[in-house]
Amino acid sequence: MKRKVHVNLEERSYDIIIDGNAIESLTDFLSKTNYSKIFIITDENVANLHLKKLNEVLDKSTILKEVIIAKAGEKAKSFEILENFC
């Protein structure tokens, strides 16, 4: 079941799309945008489950990607940890 959740942050608002087939529909979504590069930020657990399939789908597109894999756990979900990758 596909759902869209709107995060209202005034000028920084964005939508989150929740979809059981999100990876498979990603190339269709990206073809409707002007993106030339995307960043994938994930943790080790999610990467182990989904990153291979995501890479396979994205490799069929012309969009460049950068992947950041953080350690699993709540402590890794911070800007400080993200800055270590930059």
PDB file of N, CA and C in Angstrom:
ATOM      1  N   MET A   1       0.832  -1.172   0.000  1.00  0.00           N
ATOM      2  CA  MET A   1       0.000   0.000   0.000  1.00  0.00           C
ATOM      3  C   MET A   1       0.886   1.249   0.000  1.00  0.00           C
ATOM      4  N   LYS A   2       0.660   2.143  -0.931  1.00  0.00           N
ATOM      5  CA  LYS A   2       1.457   3.352  -1.066  1.00  0.00           C
ATOM      6  C   LYS A   2       0.782   4.491  -0.302  1.00  0.00           C
ATOM      7  N   ARG A   3       1.591   5.202   0.493  1.00  0.00           N
ATOM      8  CA  ARG A   3       1.092   6.354   1.254  1.00  0.00           C
ATOM      9  C   ARG A   3       2.072   7.505   1.128  1.00  0.00           C
ATOM     10  N   LYS A   4       1.543   8.706   1.178  1.00  0.00           N
ATOM     11  CA  LYS A   4       2.386   9.891   1.190  1.00  0.00           C
ATOM     12  C   LYS A   4       2.118  10.647   2.489  1.00  0.00           C
ATOM     13  N   VAL A   5       3.194  10.984   3.194  1.00  0.00           N
ATOM     14  CA  VAL A   5       3.090  11.756   4.425  1.00  0.00           C
ATOM     15  C   VAL A   5       3.798  13.081   4.182  1.00  0.00           C
ATOM     16  N   HIS A   6       3.087  14.173   4.410  1.00  0.00           N
ATOM     17  CA  HIS A   6       3.666  15.500   4.209  1.00  0.00           C
ATOM     18  C   HIS A   6       4.248  15.998   5.533  1.00  0.00           C
ATOM     19  N   VAL A   7       5.511  16.410   5.510  1.00  0.00           N
ATOM     20  CA  VAL A   7       6.170  16.989   6.676  1.00  0.00           C
ATOM     21  C   VAL A   7       6.168  18.498   6.455  1.00  0.00           C
ATOM     22  N   ASN A   8       5.374  19.202   7.239  1.00  0.00           N
ATOM     23  CA  ASN A   8       5.191  20.630   7.045  1.00  0.00           C
ATOM     24  C   ASN A   8       6.221  21.414   7.860  1.00  0.00           C
ATOM     25  N   LEU A   9       7.215  21.934   7.151  1.00  0.00           N
ATOM     26  CA  LEU A   9       8.258  22.749   7.766  1.00  0.00           C
ATOM     27  C   LEU A   9       8.360  24.097   7.044  1.00  0.00           C
ATOM     28  N   GLU A  10       7.207  24.605   6.663  1.00  0.00           N
ATOM     29  CA  GLU A  10       7.103  25.853   5.913  1.00  0.00           C
ATOM     30  C   GLU A  10       7.954  25.794   4.651  1.00  0.00           C
ATOM     31  N   GLU A  11       8.997  26.608   4.514  1.00  0.00           N
ATOM     32  CA  GLU A  11       9.781  26.616   3.265  1.00  0.00           C
ATOM     33  C   GLU A  11      10.634  25.365   3.101  1.00  0.00           C
ATOM     34  N   ARG A  12      10.773  24.562   4.133  1.00  0.00           N
ATOM     35  CA  ARG A  12      11.571  23.326   4.043  1.00  0.00           C
ATOM     36  C   ARG A  12      10.689  22.081   4.072  1.00  0.00           C
ATOM     37  N   SER A  13       9.430  22.220   3.714  1.00  0.00           N
ATOM     38  CA  SER A  13       8.507  21.087   3.734  1.00  0.00           C
ATOM     39  C   SER A  13       8.900  20.040   2.702  1.00  0.00           C
ATOM     40  N   TYR A  14       8.519  18.812   2.949  1.00  0.00           N
ATOM     41  CA  TYR A  14       8.803  17.731   2.009  1.00  0.00           C
ATOM     42  C   TYR A  14       7.813  16.595   2.233  1.00  0.00           C
ATOM     43  N   ASP A  15       7.757  15.691   1.264  1.00  0.00           N
ATOM     44  CA  ASP A  15       6.894  14.519   1.345  1.00  0.00           C
ATOM     45  C   ASP A  15       7.736  13.283   1.590  1.00  0.00           C
ATOM     46  N   ILE A  16       7.180  12.353   2.358  1.00  0.00           N
ATOM     47  CA  ILE A  16       7.772  11.032   2.532  1.00  0.00           C
ATOM     48  C   ILE A  16       6.812  10.047   1.878  1.00  0.00           C
ATOM     49  N   ILE A  17       7.335   9.221   0.994  1.00  0.00           N
ATOM     50  CA  ILE A  17       6.512   8.224   0.321  1.00  0.00           C
ATOM     51  C   ILE A  17       6.805   6.866   0.948  1.00  0.00           C
ATOM     52  N   ILE A  18       5.765   6.217   1.425  1.00  0.00           N
ATOM     53  CA  ILE A  18       5.877   4.899   2.044  1.00  0.00           C
ATOM     54  C   ILE A  18       5.252   3.911   1.078  1.00  0.00           C
ATOM     55  N   ASP A  19       6.066   2.956   0.615  1.00  0.00           N
ATOM     56  CA  ASP A  19       5.600   2.039  -0.426  1.00  0.00           C
ATOM     57  C   ASP A  19       6.352   0.722  -0.292  1.00  0.00           C
ATOM     58  N   GLY A  20       5.641  -0.369  -0.277  1.00  0.00           N
ATOM     59  CA  GLY A  20       6.265  -1.678  -0.199  1.00  0.00           C
ATOM     60  C   GLY A  20       7.123  -2.002  -1.406  1.00  0.00           C
ATOM     61  N   ASN A  21       6.911  -1.305  -2.521  1.00  0.00           N
ATOM     62  CA  ASN A  21       7.690  -1.504  -3.741  1.00  0.00           C
ATOM     63  C   ASN A  21       8.495  -0.249  -4.087  1.00  0.00           C
ATOM     64  N   ALA A  22       8.936   0.472  -3.090  1.00  0.00           N
ATOM     65  CA  ALA A  22       9.597   1.760  -3.318  1.00  0.00           C
ATOM     66  C   ALA A  22      10.848   1.618  -4.175  1.00  0.00           C
ATOM     67  N   ILE A  23      11.640   0.599  -3.945  1.00  0.00           N
ATOM     68  CA  ILE A  23      12.881   0.455  -4.714  1.00  0.00           C
ATOM     69  C   ILE A  23      12.566   0.235  -6.188  1.00  0.00           C
ATOM     70  N   GLU A  24      11.603  -0.627  -6.484  1.00  0.00           N
ATOM     71  CA  GLU A  24      11.266  -0.914  -7.867  1.00  0.00           C
ATOM     72  C   GLU A  24      10.683   0.301  -8.587  1.00  0.00           C
ATOM     73  N   SER A  25       9.990   1.167  -7.870  1.00  0.00           N
ATOM     74  CA  SER A  25       9.379   2.329  -8.510  1.00  0.00           C
ATOM     75  C   SER A  25      10.281   3.560  -8.481  1.00  0.00           C
ATOM     76  N   LEU A  26      11.486   3.429  -7.956  1.00  0.00           N
ATOM     77  CA  LEU A  26      12.387   4.567  -7.816  1.00  0.00           C
ATOM     78  C   LEU A  26      12.806   5.154  -9.157  1.00  0.00           C
ATOM     79  N   THR A  27      13.148   4.339 -10.134  1.00  0.00           N
ATOM     80  CA  THR A  27      13.588   4.883 -11.421  1.00  0.00           C
ATOM     81  C   THR A  27      12.471   5.669 -12.099  1.00  0.00           C
ATOM     82  N   ASP A  28      11.238   5.200 -11.971  1.00  0.00           N
ATOM     83  CA  ASP A  28      10.109   5.939 -12.529  1.00  0.00           C
ATOM     84  C   ASP A  28       9.964   7.290 -11.828  1.00  0.00           C
ATOM     85  N   PHE A  29      10.069   7.299 -10.514  1.00  0.00           N
ATOM     86  CA  PHE A  29       9.989   8.542  -9.751  1.00  0.00           C
ATOM     87  C   PHE A  29      11.112   9.492 -10.159  1.00  0.00           C
ATOM     88  N   LEU A  30      12.340   8.995 -10.224  1.00  0.00           N
ATOM     89  CA  LEU A  30      13.487   9.844 -10.543  1.00  0.00           C
ATOM     90  C   LEU A  30      13.428  10.376 -11.974  1.00  0.00           C
ATOM     91  N   SER A  31      12.818   9.627 -12.886  1.00  0.00           N
ATOM     92  CA  SER A  31      12.722  10.098 -14.270  1.00  0.00           C
ATOM     93  C   SER A  31      11.833  11.326 -14.388  1.00  0.00           C
ATOM     94  N   LYS A  32      11.012  11.588 -13.376  1.00  0.00           N
ATOM     95  CA  LYS A  32      10.119  12.748 -13.377  1.00  0.00           C
ATOM     96  C   LYS A  32      10.728  13.934 -12.633  1.00  0.00           C
ATOM     97  N   THR A  33      12.004  13.833 -12.282  1.00  0.00           N
ATOM     98  CA  THR A  33      12.679  14.909 -11.548  1.00  0.00           C
ATOM     99  C   THR A  33      13.849  15.440 -12.368  1.00  0.00           C
ATOM    100  N   ASN A  34      14.472  16.460 -11.867  1.00  0.00           N
ATOM    101  CA  ASN A  34      15.675  17.017 -12.485  1.00  0.00           C
ATOM    102  C   ASN A  34      16.928  16.642 -11.712  1.00  0.00           C
ATOM    103  N   TYR A  35      16.842  15.645 -10.862  1.00  0.00           N
ATOM    104  CA  TYR A  35      17.984  15.259 -10.045  1.00  0.00           C
ATOM    105  C   TYR A  35      19.091  14.681 -10.918  1.00  0.00           C
ATOM    106  N   SER A  36      20.320  15.079 -10.640  1.00  0.00           N
ATOM    107  CA  SER A  36      21.469  14.487 -11.324  1.00  0.00           C
ATOM    108  C   SER A  36      22.285  13.625 -10.369  1.00  0.00           C
ATOM    109  N   LYS A  37      22.054  13.803  -9.065  1.00  0.00           N
ATOM    110  CA  LYS A  37      22.774  13.023  -8.060  1.00  0.00           C
ATOM    111  C   LYS A  37      21.905  12.892  -6.823  1.00  0.00           C
ATOM    112  N   ILE A  38      21.961  11.722  -6.198  1.00  0.00           N
ATOM    113  CA  ILE A  38      21.226  11.513  -4.953  1.00  0.00           C
ATOM    114  C   ILE A  38      22.178  10.960  -3.904  1.00  0.00           C
ATOM    115  N   PHE A  39      21.821  11.182  -2.663  1.00  0.00           N
ATOM    116  CA  PHE A  39      22.575  10.655  -1.530  1.00  0.00           C
ATOM    117  C   PHE A  39      21.712   9.632  -0.827  1.00  0.00           C
ATOM    118  N   ILE A  40      22.296   8.488  -0.562  1.00  0.00           N
ATOM    119  CA  ILE A  40      21.611   7.431   0.166  1.00  0.00           C
ATOM    120  C   ILE A  40      22.283   7.349   1.529  1.00  0.00           C
ATOM    121  N   ILE A  41      21.507   7.612   2.555  1.00  0.00           N
ATOM    122  CA  ILE A  41      22.022   7.542   3.920  1.00  0.00           C
ATOM    123  C   ILE A  41      21.261   6.430   4.614  1.00  0.00           C
ATOM    124  N   THR A  42      21.987   5.428   5.070  1.00  0.00           N
ATOM    125  CA  THR A  42      21.360   4.265   5.674  1.00  0.00           C
ATOM    126  C   THR A  42      22.236   3.753   6.805  1.00  0.00           C
ATOM    127  N   ASP A  43      21.740   2.788   7.530  1.00  0.00           N
ATOM    128  CA  ASP A  43      22.584   2.150   8.530  1.00  0.00           C
ATOM    129  C   ASP A  43      22.950   0.745   8.053  1.00  0.00           C
ATOM    130  N   GLU A  44      23.829   0.110   8.787  1.00  0.00           N
ATOM    131  CA  GLU A  44      24.336  -1.215   8.378  1.00  0.00           C
ATOM    132  C   GLU A  44      23.228  -2.240   8.226  1.00  0.00           C
ATOM    133  N   ASN A  45      22.250  -2.223   9.122  1.00  0.00           N
ATOM    134  CA  ASN A  45      21.176  -3.223   9.067  1.00  0.00           C
ATOM    135  C   ASN A  45      20.338  -3.077   7.804  1.00  0.00           C
ATOM    136  N   VAL A  46      19.927  -1.848   7.501  1.00  0.00           N
ATOM    137  CA  VAL A  46      19.103  -1.615   6.307  1.00  0.00           C
ATOM    138  C   VAL A  46      19.933  -1.846   5.046  1.00  0.00           C
ATOM    139  N   ALA A  47      21.197  -1.450   5.070  1.00  0.00           N
ATOM    140  CA  ALA A  47      22.072  -1.677   3.918  1.00  0.00           C
ATOM    141  C   ALA A  47      22.188  -3.167   3.613  1.00  0.00           C
ATOM    142  N   ASN A  48      22.350  -3.962   4.643  1.00  0.00           N
ATOM    143  CA  ASN A  48      22.453  -5.412   4.436  1.00  0.00           C
ATOM    144  C   ASN A  48      21.188  -5.991   3.818  1.00  0.00           C
ATOM    145  N   LEU A  49      20.057  -5.413   4.130  1.00  0.00           N
ATOM    146  CA  LEU A  49      18.784  -5.920   3.613  1.00  0.00           C
ATOM    147  C   LEU A  49      18.439  -5.394   2.222  1.00  0.00           C
ATOM    148  N   HIS A  50      18.776  -4.134   1.921  1.00  0.00           N
ATOM    149  CA  HIS A  50      18.213  -3.505   0.730  1.00  0.00           C
ATOM    150  C   HIS A  50      19.201  -2.826  -0.219  1.00  0.00           C
ATOM    151  N   LEU A  51      20.428  -2.577   0.189  1.00  0.00           N
ATOM    152  CA  LEU A  51      21.323  -1.773  -0.637  1.00  0.00           C
ATOM    153  C   LEU A  51      21.695  -2.448  -1.954  1.00  0.00           C
ATOM    154  N   LYS A  52      21.864  -3.738  -1.968  1.00  0.00           N
ATOM    155  CA  LYS A  52      22.213  -4.427  -3.214  1.00  0.00           C
ATOM    156  C   LYS A  52      21.125  -4.210  -4.264  1.00  0.00           C
ATOM    157  N   LYS A  53      19.878  -4.409  -3.899  1.00  0.00           N
ATOM    158  CA  LYS A  53      18.760  -4.223  -4.833  1.00  0.00           C
ATOM    159  C   LYS A  53      18.655  -2.762  -5.262  1.00  0.00           C
ATOM    160  N   LEU A  54      18.828  -1.851  -4.309  1.00  0.00           N
ATOM    161  CA  LEU A  54      18.773  -0.430  -4.628  1.00  0.00           C
ATOM    162  C   LEU A  54      19.855  -0.048  -5.627  1.00  0.00           C
ATOM    163  N   ASN A  55      21.066  -0.545  -5.430  1.00  0.00           N
ATOM    164  CA  ASN A  55      22.159  -0.279  -6.372  1.00  0.00           C
ATOM    165  C   ASN A  55      21.850  -0.835  -7.756  1.00  0.00           C
ATOM    166  N   GLU A  56      21.270  -2.023  -7.820  1.00  0.00           N
ATOM    167  CA  GLU A  56      20.918  -2.624  -9.107  1.00  0.00           C
ATOM    168  C   GLU A  56      19.922  -1.747  -9.860  1.00  0.00           C
ATOM    169  N   VAL A  57      18.943  -1.225  -9.153  1.00  0.00           N
ATOM    170  CA  VAL A  57      17.931  -0.367  -9.785  1.00  0.00           C
ATOM    171  C   VAL A  57      18.561   0.952 -10.223  1.00  0.00           C
ATOM    172  N   LEU A  58      19.347   1.568  -9.353  1.00  0.00           N
ATOM    173  CA  LEU A  58      19.936   2.864  -9.676  1.00  0.00           C
ATOM    174  C   LEU A  58      21.008   2.770 -10.758  1.00  0.00           C
ATOM    175  N   ASP A  59      21.677   1.627 -10.862  1.00  0.00           N
ATOM    176  CA  ASP A  59      22.689   1.463 -11.907  1.00  0.00           C
ATOM    177  C   ASP A  59      22.079   1.486 -13.302  1.00  0.00           C
ATOM    178  N   LYS A  60      20.769   1.292 -13.401  1.00  0.00           N
ATOM    179  CA  LYS A  60      20.077   1.352 -14.695  1.00  0.00           C
ATOM    180  C   LYS A  60      19.722   2.785 -15.087  1.00  0.00           C
ATOM    181  N   SER A  61      19.961   3.731 -14.185  1.00  0.00           N
ATOM    182  CA  SER A  61      19.637   5.128 -14.465  1.00  0.00           C
ATOM    183  C   SER A  61      20.924   5.910 -14.713  1.00  0.00           C
ATOM    184  N   THR A  62      20.762   7.159 -15.095  1.00  0.00           N
ATOM    185  CA  THR A  62      21.923   8.026 -15.329  1.00  0.00           C
ATOM    186  C   THR A  62      22.247   8.878 -14.108  1.00  0.00           C
ATOM    187  N   ILE A  63      21.507   8.689 -13.042  1.00  0.00           N
ATOM    188  CA  ILE A  63      21.698   9.498 -11.834  1.00  0.00           C
ATOM    189  C   ILE A  63      22.901   8.981 -11.044  1.00  0.00           C
ATOM    190  N   LEU A  64      23.748   9.906 -10.650  1.00  0.00           N
ATOM    191  CA  LEU A  64      24.896   9.557  -9.820  1.00  0.00           C
ATOM    192  C   LEU A  64      24.429   9.374  -8.384  1.00  0.00           C
ATOM    193  N   LYS A  65      25.118   8.526  -7.654  1.00  0.00           N
ATOM    194  CA  LYS A  65      24.718   8.305  -6.268  1.00  0.00           C
ATOM    195  C   LYS A  65      25.938   8.299  -5.358  1.00  0.00           C
ATOM    196  N   GLU A  66      25.699   8.712  -4.152  1.00  0.00           N
ATOM    197  CA  GLU A  66      26.693   8.654  -3.088  1.00  0.00           C
ATOM    198  C   GLU A  66      26.026   7.905  -1.958  1.00  0.00           C
ATOM    199  N   VAL A  67      26.715   6.906  -1.409  1.00  0.00           N
ATOM    200  CA  VAL A  67      26.135   6.080  -0.362  1.00  0.00           C
ATOM    201  C   VAL A  67      26.915   6.292   0.929  1.00  0.00           C
ATOM    202  N   ILE A  68      26.183   6.553   1.992  1.00  0.00           N
ATOM    203  CA  ILE A  68      26.759   6.672   3.327  1.00  0.00           C
ATOM    204  C   ILE A  68      26.116   5.598   4.188  1.00  0.00           C
ATOM    205  N   ILE A  69      26.939   4.729   4.760  1.00  0.00           N
ATOM    206  CA  ILE A  69      26.441   3.668   5.627  1.00  0.00           C
ATOM    207  C   ILE A  69      26.961   3.928   7.040  1.00  0.00           C
ATOM    208  N   ALA A  70      26.041   4.216   7.935  1.00  0.00           N
ATOM    209  CA  ALA A  70      26.388   4.470   9.336  1.00  0.00           C
ATOM    210  C   ALA A  70      26.220   3.191  10.147  1.00  0.00           C
ATOM    211  N   LYS A  71      26.799   3.174  11.299  1.00  0.00           N
ATOM    212  CA  LYS A  71      26.603   2.047  12.206  1.00  0.00           C
ATOM    213  C   LYS A  71      25.137   1.993  12.610  1.00  0.00           C
ATOM    214  N   ALA A  72      24.668   0.820  12.944  1.00  0.00           N
ATOM    215  CA  ALA A  72      23.285   0.651  13.371  1.00  0.00           C
ATOM    216  C   ALA A  72      23.097   1.215  14.775  1.00  0.00           C
ATOM    217  N   GLY A  73      21.888   1.673  15.047  1.00  0.00           N
ATOM    218  CA  GLY A  73      21.564   2.142  16.389  1.00  0.00           C
ATOM    219  C   GLY A  73      21.255   3.616  16.439  1.00  0.00           C
ATOM    220  N   GLU A  74      20.561   3.995  17.472  1.00  0.00           N
ATOM    221  CA  GLU A  74      20.119   5.378  17.631  1.00  0.00           C
ATOM    222  C   GLU A  74      21.275   6.358  17.767  1.00  0.00           C
ATOM    223  N   LYS A  75      22.381   5.957  18.340  1.00  0.00           N
ATOM    224  CA  LYS A  75      23.519   6.859  18.518  1.00  0.00           C
ATOM    225  C   LYS A  75      24.088   7.329  17.181  1.00  0.00           C
ATOM    226  N   ALA A  76      23.870   6.558  16.115  1.00  0.00           N
ATOM    227  CA  ALA A  76      24.398   6.914  14.794  1.00  0.00           C
ATOM    228  C   ALA A  76      23.494   7.893  14.066  1.00  0.00           C
ATOM    229  N   LYS A  77      22.322   8.179  14.601  1.00  0.00           N
ATOM    230  CA  LYS A  77      21.362   9.056  13.937  1.00  0.00           C
ATOM    231  C   LYS A  77      21.533  10.490  14.431  1.00  0.00           C
ATOM    232  N   SER A  78      22.634  11.094  14.018  1.00  0.00           N
ATOM    233  CA  SER A  78      22.883  12.479  14.422  1.00  0.00           C
ATOM    234  C   SER A  78      23.660  13.192  13.322  1.00  0.00           C
ATOM    235  N   PHE A  79      23.578  14.506  13.317  1.00  0.00           N
ATOM    236  CA  PHE A  79      24.343  15.287  12.354  1.00  0.00           C
ATOM    237  C   PHE A  79      25.836  15.163  12.622  1.00  0.00           C
ATOM    238  N   GLU A  80      26.198  14.996  13.870  1.00  0.00           N
ATOM    239  CA  GLU A  80      27.616  14.834  14.213  1.00  0.00           C
ATOM    240  C   GLU A  80      28.202  13.600  13.530  1.00  0.00           C
ATOM    241  N   ILE A  81      27.491  12.507  13.559  1.00  0.00           N
ATOM    242  CA  ILE A  81      27.948  11.277  12.894  1.00  0.00           C
ATOM    243  C   ILE A  81      27.973  11.494  11.395  1.00  0.00           C
ATOM    244  N   LEU A  82      26.955  12.140  10.837  1.00  0.00           N
ATOM    245  CA  LEU A  82      26.908  12.396   9.402  1.00  0.00           C
ATOM    246  C   LEU A  82      28.085  13.264   8.954  1.00  0.00           C
ATOM    247  N   GLU A  83      28.437  14.242   9.757  1.00  0.00           N
ATOM    248  CA  GLU A  83      29.569  15.128   9.421  1.00  0.00           C
ATOM    249  C   GLU A  83      30.871  14.342   9.280  1.00  0.00           C
ATOM    250  N   ASN A  84      31.008  13.234   9.983  1.00  0.00           N
ATOM    251  CA  ASN A  84      32.216  12.416   9.880  1.00  0.00           C
ATOM    252  C   ASN A  84      32.398  11.824   8.487  1.00  0.00           C
ATOM    253  N   PHE A  85      31.294  11.694   7.739  1.00  0.00           N
ATOM    254  CA  PHE A  85      31.364  11.141   6.394  1.00  0.00           C
ATOM    255  C   PHE A  85      31.661  12.197   5.352  1.00  0.00           C
ATOM    256  N   CYS A  86      31.488  13.454   5.701  1.00  0.00           N
ATOM    257  CA  CYS A  86      31.642  14.549   4.731  1.00  0.00           C
ATOM    258  C   CYS A  86      33.073  15.049   4.676  1.00  0.00           C
TER     259      CYS A  86
END
